[in-house]
C-alpha atoms as a PDB file:
ATOM      1  CA  UNK A   1       0.000   0.000   0.000  1.00  0.00           C
ATOM      2  CA  UNK A   2       2.887   2.468   0.506  1.00  0.00           C
ATOM      3  CA  UNK A   3       3.513   2.449  -3.238  1.00  0.00           C
ATOM      4  CA  UNK A   4      -0.080   3.450  -3.971  1.00  0.00           C
ATOM      5  CA  UNK A   5       0.142   6.218  -1.375  1.00  0.00           C
ATOM      6  CA  UNK A   6       3.381   7.468  -2.917  1.00  0.00           C
ATOM      7  CA  UNK A   7       1.813   7.398  -6.381  1.00  0.00           C
ATOM      8  CA  UNK A   8      -1.159   9.443  -5.131  1.00  0.00           C
ATOM      9  CA  UNK A   9       1.046  11.932  -3.278  1.00  0.00           C
ATOM     10  CA  UNK A  10       3.312  12.376  -6.316  1.00  0.00           C
ATOM     11  CA  UNK A  11       0.322  12.793  -8.622  1.00  0.00           C
ATOM     12  CA  UNK A  12      -1.322  15.449  -6.448  1.00  0.00           C
ATOM     13  CA  UNK A  13       2.021  17.199  -5.855  1.00  0.00           C
ATOM     14  CA  UNK A  14       2.413  17.715  -9.613  1.00  0.00           C
ATOM     15  CA  UNK A  15      -0.964  19.367 -10.006  1.00  0.00           C
ATOM     16  CA  UNK A  16      -1.716  22.925  -8.980  1.00  0.00           C
ATOM     17  CA  UNK A  17      -2.871  21.693  -5.567  1.00  0.00           C
ATOM     18  CA  UNK A  18      -0.430  22.349  -2.721  1.00  0.00           C
ATOM     19  CA  UNK A  19       1.284  19.064  -1.814  1.00  0.00           C
ATOM     20  CA  UNK A  20       4.701  17.459  -1.727  1.00  0.00           C
ATOM     21  CA  UNK A  21       5.955  13.927  -2.197  1.00  0.00           C
ATOM     22  CA  UNK A  22       9.711  14.075  -1.652  1.00  0.00           C
ATOM     23  CA  UNK A  23       9.437  13.592   2.120  1.00  0.00           C
ATOM     24  CA  UNK A  24       7.296  10.511   1.681  1.00  0.00           C
ATOM     25  CA  UNK A  25       9.716   9.077  -0.882  1.00  0.00           C
ATOM     26  CA  UNK A  26      12.671   9.711   1.428  1.00  0.00           C
ATOM     27  CA  UNK A  27      10.835   8.165   4.368  1.00  0.00           C
ATOM     28  CA  UNK A  28      10.005   5.044   2.399  1.00  0.00           C
ATOM     29  CA  UNK A  29      13.608   4.700   1.242  1.00  0.00           C
ATOM     30  CA  UNK A  30      14.816   5.001   4.834  1.00  0.00           C
ATOM     31  CA  UNK A  31      12.150   2.449   5.887  1.00  0.00           C
ATOM     32  CA  UNK A  32      13.734  -0.082   3.554  1.00  0.00           C
ATOM     33  CA  UNK A  33      11.449  -0.155   0.536  1.00  0.00           C
ATOM     34  CA  UNK A  34      13.000  -0.765  -2.893  1.00  0.00           C
ATOM     35  CA  UNK A  35      14.461   2.607  -3.982  1.00  0.00           C
ATOM     36  CA  UNK A  36      14.286   2.081  -7.747  1.00  0.00           C
ATOM     37  CA  UNK A  37      10.649   0.998  -7.495  1.00  0.00           C
ATOM     38  CA  UNK A  38       9.827   4.001  -5.324  1.00  0.00           C
ATOM     39  CA  UNK A  39      11.484   6.309  -7.873  1.00  0.00           C
ATOM     40  CA  UNK A  40       9.527   4.659 -10.676  1.00  0.00           C
ATOM     41  CA  UNK A  41       6.179   4.907  -8.880  1.00  0.00           C
ATOM     42  CA  UNK A  42       6.746   8.515  -7.785  1.00  0.00           C
ATOM     43  CA  UNK A  43       7.963   9.533 -11.246  1.00  0.00           C
ATOM     44  CA  UNK A  44       4.996   7.999 -13.049  1.00  0.00           C
ATOM     45  CA  UNK A  45       2.557   9.647 -10.641  1.00  0.00           C
ATOM     46  CA  UNK A  46       4.304  12.997 -10.881  1.00  0.00           C
ATOM     47  CA  UNK A  47       4.523  12.973 -14.691  1.00  0.00           C
ATOM     48  CA  UNK A  48       0.843  12.015 -14.922  1.00  0.00           C
ATOM     49  CA  UNK A  49      -0.046  14.868 -12.569  1.00  0.00           C
ATOM     50  CA  UNK A  50       1.954  17.266 -14.726  1.00  0.00           C
ATOM     51  CA  UNK A  51       0.139  15.921 -17.769  1.00  0.00           C
ATOM     52  CA  UNK A  52      -3.154  16.872 -16.117  1.00  0.00           C
ATOM     53  CA  UNK A  53      -1.769  20.422 -15.898  1.00  0.00           C
ATOM     54  CA  UNK A  54      -0.816  20.279 -19.581  1.00  0.00           C
ATOM     55  CA  UNK A  55      -4.356  19.181 -20.528  1.00  0.00           C
ATOM     56  CA  UNK A  56      -5.847  21.887 -18.306  1.00  0.00           C
ATOM     57  CA  UNK A  57      -3.573  24.406 -19.985  1.00  0.00           C
ATOM     58  CA  UNK A  58      -4.972  23.433 -23.360  1.00  0.00           C
ATOM     59  CA  UNK A  59      -8.413  24.542 -22.168  1.00  0.00           C
ATOM     60  CA  UNK A  60      -7.545  27.039 -19.442  1.00  0.00           C
ATOM     61  CA  UNK A  61      -8.327  30.287 -21.193  1.00  0.00           C
ATOM     62  CA  UNK A  62     -11.963  29.263 -21.443  1.00  0.00           C
ATOM     63  CA  UNK A  63     -12.251  29.290 -17.658  1.00  0.00           C
ATOM     64  CA  UNK A  64      -9.770  31.994 -16.620  1.00  0.00           C
ATOM     65  CA  UNK A  65     -12.523  34.484 -15.791  1.00  0.00           C
ATOM     66  CA  UNK A  66     -14.316  32.126 -13.387  1.00  0.00           C
ATOM     67  CA  UNK A  67     -14.067  32.785  -9.657  1.00  0.00           C
ATOM     68  CA  UNK A  68     -13.215  29.163  -8.845  1.00  0.00           C
ATOM     69  CA  UNK A  69     -10.286  29.140 -11.253  1.00  0.00           C
ATOM     70  CA  UNK A  70      -7.258  27.977  -9.199  1.00  0.00           C
ATOM     71  CA  UNK A  71      -4.601  30.140 -10.884  1.00  0.00           C
ATOM     72  CA  UNK A  72      -4.573  33.887 -10.531  1.00  0.00           C
ATOM     73  CA  UNK A  73      -4.218  35.819 -13.808  1.00  0.00           C
ATOM     74  CA  UNK A  74      -0.863  37.237 -12.670  1.00  0.00           C
ATOM     75  CA  UNK A  75       0.491  33.733 -11.968  1.00  0.00           C
ATOM     76  CA  UNK A  76      -0.663  32.490 -15.352  1.00  0.00           C
ATOM     77  CA  UNK A  77       0.806  35.515 -17.128  1.00  0.00           C
ATOM     78  CA  UNK A  78       4.128  35.023 -15.325  1.00  0.00           C
ATOM     79  CA  UNK A  79       4.259  31.345 -16.313  1.00  0.00           C
ATOM     80  CA  UNK A  80       3.351  32.161 -19.912  1.00  0.00           C
ATOM     81  CA  UNK A  81       6.029  34.852 -20.084  1.00  0.00           C
ATOM     82  CA  UNK A  82       8.653  32.492 -18.656  1.00  0.00           C
ATOM     83  CA  UNK A  83       7.607  29.789 -21.097  1.00  0.00           C
ATOM     84  CA  UNK A  84       7.565  32.178 -24.055  1.00  0.00           C
ATOM     85  CA  UNK A  85      11.046  33.381 -23.165  1.00  0.00           C
ATOM     86  CA  UNK A  86      12.709  30.015 -22.519  1.00  0.00           C
ATOM     87  CA  UNK A  87      10.443  27.708 -24.516  1.00  0.00           C
ATOM     88  CA  UNK A  88      10.241  23.972 -24.097  1.00  0.00           C
ATOM     89  CA  UNK A  89      13.577  23.799 -22.268  1.00  0.00           C
ATOM     90  CA  UNK A  90      11.983  25.543 -19.305  1.00  0.00           C
ATOM     91  CA  UNK A  91      10.171  22.243 -18.698  1.00  0.00           C
ATOM     92  CA  UNK A  92      13.448  20.903 -17.318  1.00  0.00           C
ATOM     93  CA  UNK A  93      12.593  23.106 -14.327  1.00  0.00           C
ATOM     94  CA  UNK A  94       9.205  21.456 -13.866  1.00  0.00           C
ATOM     95  CA  UNK A  95      10.557  19.675 -10.778  1.00  0.00           C
ATOM     96  CA  UNK A  96      11.012  22.952  -8.906  1.00  0.00           C
ATOM     97  CA  UNK A  97       8.606  24.068  -6.192  1.00  0.00           C
ATOM     98  CA  UNK A  98       6.365  27.048  -6.936  1.00  0.00           C
ATOM     99  CA  UNK A  99       7.344  27.545 -10.608  1.00  0.00           C
ATOM    100  CA  UNK A 100       7.251  23.942 -11.868  1.00  0.00           C
ATOM    101  CA  UNK A 101       3.509  23.336 -11.813  1.00  0.00           C
ATOM    102  CA  UNK A 102       2.574  26.624 -13.504  1.00  0.00           C
ATOM    103  CA  UNK A 103       5.207  25.883 -16.169  1.00  0.00           C
ATOM    104  CA  UNK A 104       3.491  22.622 -17.052  1.00  0.00           C
ATOM    105  CA  UNK A 105       0.181  24.469 -17.281  1.00  0.00           C
ATOM    106  CA  UNK A 106       1.796  27.137 -19.464  1.00  0.00           C
ATOM    107  CA  UNK A 107       3.158  24.426 -21.752  1.00  0.00           C
ATOM    108  CA  UNK A 108      -0.416  23.368 -22.438  1.00  0.00           C
ATOM    109  CA  UNK A 109      -1.536  26.960 -22.963  1.00  0.00           C
ATOM    110  CA  UNK A 110       1.365  27.480 -25.381  1.00  0.00           C
ATOM    111  CA  UNK A 111       0.420  24.253 -27.220  1.00  0.00           C
ATOM    112  CA  UNK A 112       3.688  22.412 -26.616  1.00  0.00           C
ATOM    113  CA  UNK A 113       3.390  19.001 -28.329  1.00  0.00           C
ATOM    114  CA  UNK A 114       2.576  16.269 -25.815  1.00  0.00           C
ATOM    115  CA  UNK A 115       5.504  14.047 -26.879  1.00  0.00           C
ATOM    116  CA  UNK A 116       8.038  16.817 -26.268  1.00  0.00           C
ATOM    117  CA  UNK A 117       6.328  17.747 -23.012  1.00  0.00           C
ATOM    118  CA  UNK A 118       6.406  14.170 -21.712  1.00  0.00           C
ATOM    119  CA  UNK A 119      10.084  13.621 -22.496  1.00  0.00           C
ATOM    120  CA  UNK A 120      11.297  16.847 -20.889  1.00  0.00           C
ATOM    121  CA  UNK A 121       9.053  16.601 -17.837  1.00  0.00           C
ATOM    122  CA  UNK A 122       9.961  12.936 -17.312  1.00  0.00           C
ATOM    123  CA  UNK A 123      13.675  13.749 -17.405  1.00  0.00           C
ATOM    124  CA  UNK A 124      13.209  16.504 -14.825  1.00  0.00           C
ATOM    125  CA  UNK A 125      10.937  14.542 -12.497  1.00  0.00           C
ATOM    126  CA  UNK A 126      12.930  11.302 -12.584  1.00  0.00           C
ATOM    127  CA  UNK A 127      16.204  13.155 -11.961  1.00  0.00           C
ATOM    128  CA  UNK A 128      14.713  14.916  -8.939  1.00  0.00           C
ATOM    129  CA  UNK A 129      13.404  11.682  -7.409  1.00  0.00           C
ATOM    130  CA  UNK A 130      16.690   9.866  -8.063  1.00  0.00           C
ATOM    131  CA  UNK A 131      18.562  12.591  -6.170  1.00  0.00           C
ATOM    132  CA  UNK A 132      16.064  12.473  -3.276  1.00  0.00           C
ATOM    133  CA  UNK A 133      16.310   8.659  -3.109  1.00  0.00           C
ATOM    134  CA  UNK A 134      20.106   8.739  -3.209  1.00  0.00           C
ATOM    135  CA  UNK A 135      20.281  11.274  -0.391  1.00  0.00           C
ATOM    136  CA  UNK A 136      17.773   9.304   1.679  1.00  0.00           C
ATOM    137  CA  UNK A 137      19.641   6.037   1.035  1.00  0.00           C
ATOM    138  CA  UNK A 138      22.850   7.672   2.216  1.00  0.00           C
ATOM    139  CA  UNK A 139      21.240   8.470   5.560  1.00  0.00           C
ATOM    140  CA  UNK A 140      19.371   5.156   5.874  1.00  0.00           C
END
């Protein structure tokens, strides 16, 4: 069951909802679970969560004027400006707190092809989880 919980935490953490999964991953590594499997599960969940952002970005402008819309216009404009300036390579920063999730949304808004999006986001997310697992394993 810890793997399912990690998947869920990683998925939610990649969406625009406030959450984190690195602490759970590190805790499970320290608890003795299989590190490579934890990295795989967390990475798949996190990339899928980012893909939800990408899909939302494809349709976001339709709902931007609604009160329930989770992203403030200034945040969306900032992410779009960053993405317009640095292009698809900015997705290598999708692992970063605060800016990563809006970048994946902006990629959808800017119509980045899904294949390119998936490759770049997967590289970023897997690398981040590998580093977290390696640090946790060192202290285990």
